[in-house]
Protein backbone atom coordinates (compact mmCIF):
# COMPACT_ATOMS: atom_id res chain seq x y z
CA MET A 1 84.69 -110.44 33.86
CA GLU A 2 83.04 -113.32 35.65
CA SER A 3 82.96 -116.72 33.99
CA ASP A 4 81.41 -120.10 34.67
CA THR A 5 82.60 -123.50 33.51
CA ILE A 6 79.98 -126.15 32.87
CA GLN A 7 81.09 -129.71 32.31
CA THR A 8 79.59 -131.74 29.48
CA PRO A 9 80.37 -135.26 28.20
CA GLU A 10 82.07 -133.59 25.25
CA GLY A 11 84.23 -131.16 27.20
CA ASP A 12 83.86 -127.94 29.14
CA LEU A 13 81.61 -125.08 28.14
CA VAL A 14 82.96 -121.78 29.45
CA ILE A 15 80.61 -118.79 29.65
CA ARG A 16 82.07 -115.32 30.03
CA PHE A 17 79.69 -112.64 31.28
CA VAL A 18 80.79 -109.50 29.47
CA GLY A 19 77.92 -107.25 30.53
CA HIS A 20 74.28 -106.32 29.86
CA SER A 21 73.36 -108.68 26.99
CA SER A 22 76.92 -109.37 25.82
CA LEU A 23 78.21 -112.90 26.37
CA ILE A 24 80.98 -115.16 25.08
CA PHE A 25 80.78 -118.95 24.95
CA PHE A 26 83.97 -120.97 24.56
CA TRP A 27 83.17 -124.40 23.21
CA ALA A 28 85.25 -127.05 21.40
CA GLY A 29 87.85 -124.54 20.27
CA LYS A 30 85.21 -122.08 19.04
CA ASN A 31 84.50 -118.58 20.34
CA ILE A 32 80.82 -117.68 20.13
CA HIS A 33 79.93 -114.08 20.88
CA ALA A 34 76.37 -112.98 21.65
CA ASP A 35 75.29 -109.34 21.21
CA PRO A 36 78.79 -107.79 21.37
CA VAL A 37 78.64 -104.10 22.34
CA SER A 38 81.64 -101.83 22.83
CA LEU A 39 80.16 -100.07 25.87
CA GLU A 40 80.43 -103.34 27.78
CA ALA A 41 84.11 -104.15 27.11
CA ASP A 42 87.21 -103.37 25.09
CA TYR A 43 86.64 -105.90 22.35
CA ALA A 44 90.15 -105.39 21.01
CA ARG A 45 91.29 -107.33 24.07
CA LEU A 46 88.79 -110.16 23.66
CA PRO A 47 89.06 -113.28 21.48
CA LYS A 48 88.14 -113.13 17.82
CA ALA A 49 84.81 -114.69 16.93
CA ASP A 50 84.04 -117.88 15.07
CA VAL A 51 80.31 -117.14 15.39
CA ILE A 52 78.49 -113.94 16.35
CA LEU A 53 74.84 -114.10 17.39
CA ILE A 54 72.90 -110.83 17.32
CA THR A 55 69.32 -110.85 18.56
CA HIS A 56 68.10 -107.58 17.04
CA GLY A 57 69.09 -104.12 15.89
CA HIS A 58 68.91 -102.02 19.06
CA GLY A 59 72.19 -100.35 19.95
CA ASP A 60 72.65 -102.23 23.21
CA HIS A 61 72.60 -105.50 21.23
CA MET A 62 74.04 -104.69 17.81
CA ASP A 63 77.25 -102.67 17.60
CA VAL A 64 78.85 -102.68 14.16
CA ASN A 65 82.14 -101.40 15.58
CA ALA A 66 82.40 -104.26 18.07
CA VAL A 67 81.54 -106.74 15.32
CA ASN A 68 84.25 -105.33 13.06
CA ILE A 69 86.82 -105.67 15.85
CA ILE A 70 86.17 -109.34 16.61
CA LYS A 71 85.31 -110.70 13.18
CA ILE A 72 87.79 -112.41 10.88
CA PRO A 73 87.16 -113.50 7.28
CA ALA A 74 85.80 -116.87 8.44
CA THR A 75 83.45 -115.44 11.10
CA LYS A 76 79.79 -116.35 10.70
CA ILE A 77 77.31 -113.67 11.81
CA VAL A 78 73.74 -114.68 12.61
CA GLY A 79 71.02 -112.07 13.01
CA ASN A 80 67.55 -110.90 12.12
CA ASP A 81 66.57 -108.69 9.17
CA GLU A 82 67.62 -105.52 11.02
CA VAL A 83 71.11 -106.92 11.48
CA GLY A 84 71.29 -108.17 7.92
CA SER A 85 70.47 -104.71 6.59
CA GLN A 86 73.47 -103.21 8.39
CA ILE A 87 76.08 -105.97 8.44
CA PRO A 88 76.88 -107.49 5.03
CA GLY A 89 77.12 -111.26 4.93
CA THR A 90 74.80 -111.84 7.89
CA LEU A 91 73.04 -115.20 7.90
CA VAL A 92 69.52 -113.87 8.41
CA MET A 93 67.19 -116.05 10.48
CA LYS A 94 63.52 -115.52 11.15
CA ASN A 95 61.52 -116.81 14.10
CA GLY A 96 61.07 -120.56 13.73
CA GLU A 97 64.05 -121.17 11.45
CA GLU A 98 66.92 -123.56 12.20
CA ARG A 99 70.46 -123.61 10.80
CA VAL A 100 73.69 -125.45 11.41
CA VAL A 101 76.49 -122.89 11.61
CA GLU A 102 80.09 -123.98 12.18
CA GLY A 103 78.72 -127.32 13.37
CA LEU A 104 76.36 -125.68 15.88
CA LYS A 105 72.61 -126.16 15.69
CA ILE A 106 70.97 -122.74 16.04
CA GLU A 107 67.23 -122.23 16.40
CA ALA A 108 65.71 -118.75 16.12
CA VAL A 109 62.74 -118.28 18.45
CA PRO A 110 60.38 -115.35 19.05
CA ALA A 111 61.33 -112.39 21.27
CA TYR A 112 58.83 -109.59 21.80
CA ASN A 113 56.75 -107.51 24.22
CA LEU A 114 53.15 -108.14 25.16
CA LYS A 115 52.80 -105.53 27.92
CA HIS A 116 55.56 -102.94 27.87
CA MET A 117 54.96 -100.27 25.23
CA ARG A 118 56.91 -97.34 23.82
CA ALA A 119 53.53 -95.71 23.19
CA PRO A 120 49.99 -97.11 23.10
CA GLY A 121 49.96 -99.97 20.61
CA LYS A 122 53.72 -99.71 19.99
CA PRO A 123 55.69 -102.34 21.93
CA PHE A 124 59.38 -101.79 22.57
CA HIS A 125 59.97 -105.03 20.67
CA PRO A 126 57.25 -105.95 18.16
CA LYS A 127 56.36 -109.55 17.48
CA GLY A 128 58.19 -111.13 14.55
CA VAL A 129 61.20 -108.79 14.55
CA GLY A 130 63.75 -109.87 17.14
CA ASN A 131 65.20 -113.31 17.73
CA GLY A 132 66.03 -115.38 20.72
CA TYR A 133 68.39 -118.27 19.99
CA VAL A 134 68.59 -121.84 21.21
CA VAL A 135 72.12 -123.08 20.55
CA THR A 136 73.19 -126.68 21.06
CA LEU A 137 76.70 -126.94 22.54
CA GLY A 138 77.99 -130.38 23.43
CA GLY A 139 74.51 -131.71 23.94
CA LEU A 140 73.53 -128.73 26.11
CA ARG A 141 70.68 -126.57 24.85
CA VAL A 142 71.43 -122.94 25.65
CA TYR A 143 68.63 -120.37 25.33
CA ILE A 144 69.66 -116.74 24.77
CA ALA A 145 66.32 -114.98 24.98
CA GLY A 146 67.17 -111.52 23.63
CA ASP A 147 64.70 -108.75 24.48
CA THR A 148 61.40 -110.38 25.34
CA GLU A 149 58.72 -110.84 27.93
CA ASN A 150 57.21 -114.10 29.20
CA ILE A 151 55.57 -114.87 25.88
CA PRO A 152 53.40 -117.97 25.31
CA GLU A 153 55.88 -119.42 22.79
CA MET A 154 58.21 -120.17 25.69
CA ARG A 155 55.94 -123.10 26.59
CA ARG A 156 57.17 -124.80 23.41
CA LEU A 157 60.80 -124.73 24.49
CA GLN A 158 62.02 -128.19 25.38
CA ASN A 159 65.02 -129.60 27.22
CA ILE A 160 66.65 -126.23 27.93
CA ASP A 161 69.75 -126.72 30.04
CA ILE A 162 70.86 -123.09 30.38
CA ALA A 163 68.69 -120.00 29.92
CA PHE A 164 69.49 -116.30 29.81
CA LEU A 165 66.37 -114.23 30.49
CA PRO A 166 66.30 -110.41 30.33
CA MET A 167 65.06 -108.49 33.34
CA ASN A 168 65.32 -104.76 32.62
CA LEU A 169 62.35 -102.41 32.91
CA PRO A 170 60.60 -100.99 31.05
CA TYR A 171 61.99 -102.85 28.04
CA THR A 172 61.79 -106.51 29.02
CA MET A 173 60.63 -108.42 32.12
CA THR A 174 59.88 -107.79 35.74
CA PRO A 175 61.24 -110.40 38.18
CA GLU A 176 57.71 -111.84 38.32
CA MET A 177 57.64 -112.20 34.53
CA ALA A 178 61.08 -113.83 34.50
CA ALA A 179 60.00 -116.30 37.19
CA ASP A 180 56.85 -117.13 35.22
CA ALA A 181 58.91 -117.61 32.05
CA ALA A 182 61.30 -119.98 33.80
CA GLN A 183 58.41 -122.04 35.10
CA MET A 184 57.08 -122.41 31.56
CA PHE A 185 60.08 -124.42 30.34
CA HIS A 186 62.13 -125.29 33.46
CA PRO A 187 65.77 -124.70 32.50
CA LYS A 188 68.29 -126.50 34.65
CA VAL A 189 70.30 -123.29 35.07
CA LEU A 190 68.83 -119.78 34.86
CA TYR A 191 70.88 -116.63 34.46
CA PRO A 192 69.03 -113.32 34.52
CA TYR A 193 70.83 -110.90 32.24
CA HIS A 194 70.26 -107.45 30.70
CA GLN A 195 69.43 -106.52 34.30
CA GLY A 196 69.66 -102.73 34.35
CA GLU A 197 68.71 -101.60 37.85
CA THR A 198 66.35 -104.51 38.54
CA ASP A 199 66.82 -106.13 41.93
CA THR A 200 67.86 -109.69 41.16
CA ALA A 201 67.16 -110.68 44.78
CA LYS A 202 63.45 -110.50 43.91
CA LEU A 203 63.91 -113.23 41.30
CA LEU A 204 65.79 -115.39 43.79
CA ALA A 205 62.94 -115.01 46.28
CA LEU A 206 60.33 -115.89 43.67
CA MET A 207 62.27 -118.99 42.62
CA LYS A 208 63.26 -120.24 46.06
CA ASP A 209 60.73 -123.09 46.03
CA HIS A 210 61.68 -124.25 42.53
CA LYS A 211 64.64 -126.39 43.50
CA ASP A 212 64.87 -127.94 40.02
CA ILE A 213 66.05 -124.58 38.60
CA ASP A 214 69.49 -123.33 39.63
CA VAL A 215 69.26 -119.51 39.55
CA ARG A 216 72.70 -117.94 39.20
CA ILE A 217 73.26 -114.21 39.55
CA ARG A 218 76.15 -112.66 37.65
CA THR A 219 77.06 -109.05 36.92
CA MET A 220 75.17 -108.30 33.71
CA LYS A 221 73.95 -104.70 34.01
């Protein structure tokens, strides 16, 4: 697995790119897993979780087996209503809510489709169901978008240092949508993730004139 280390005044933040939408953040002695899914890795070989963030209930984001492997009695699991209905003890957050979990400020933000539909009038991800999360780690604001398009609520995001934006058709964003989203809130570092077969070079080309945003491509199919 690839990993990046980002220096902060309070120590290093290490990001491990597990695959698809699955990530691990190592911060201040804590292991924070996002959307752990067994198809992406052997979770028995990965660190146990202090915090698990799950954006919504689709199988490529919520895997009860993976959660059971990495959780310990003290693990805090954060999710939406779908997650809470399947994983006992989940701290359920709705869009717009904030919590402090294990000393981490976590903000739940909207994640939904405007254009891409399962059937007419039925978006792959309806408004008000899934979460994105903004997590503050050592003064850095990290945005894990979940499954979403370039929705207008992104204009309200402020001071985002690191953003993970999904780019997997037909479920989330085209490269053009991801570029538009990034220009709404100007993260310092942008990682496309949940890529599927999307050509990430298209995003790089679209963002080449936006020198204030460092677009980093990692293996996240």
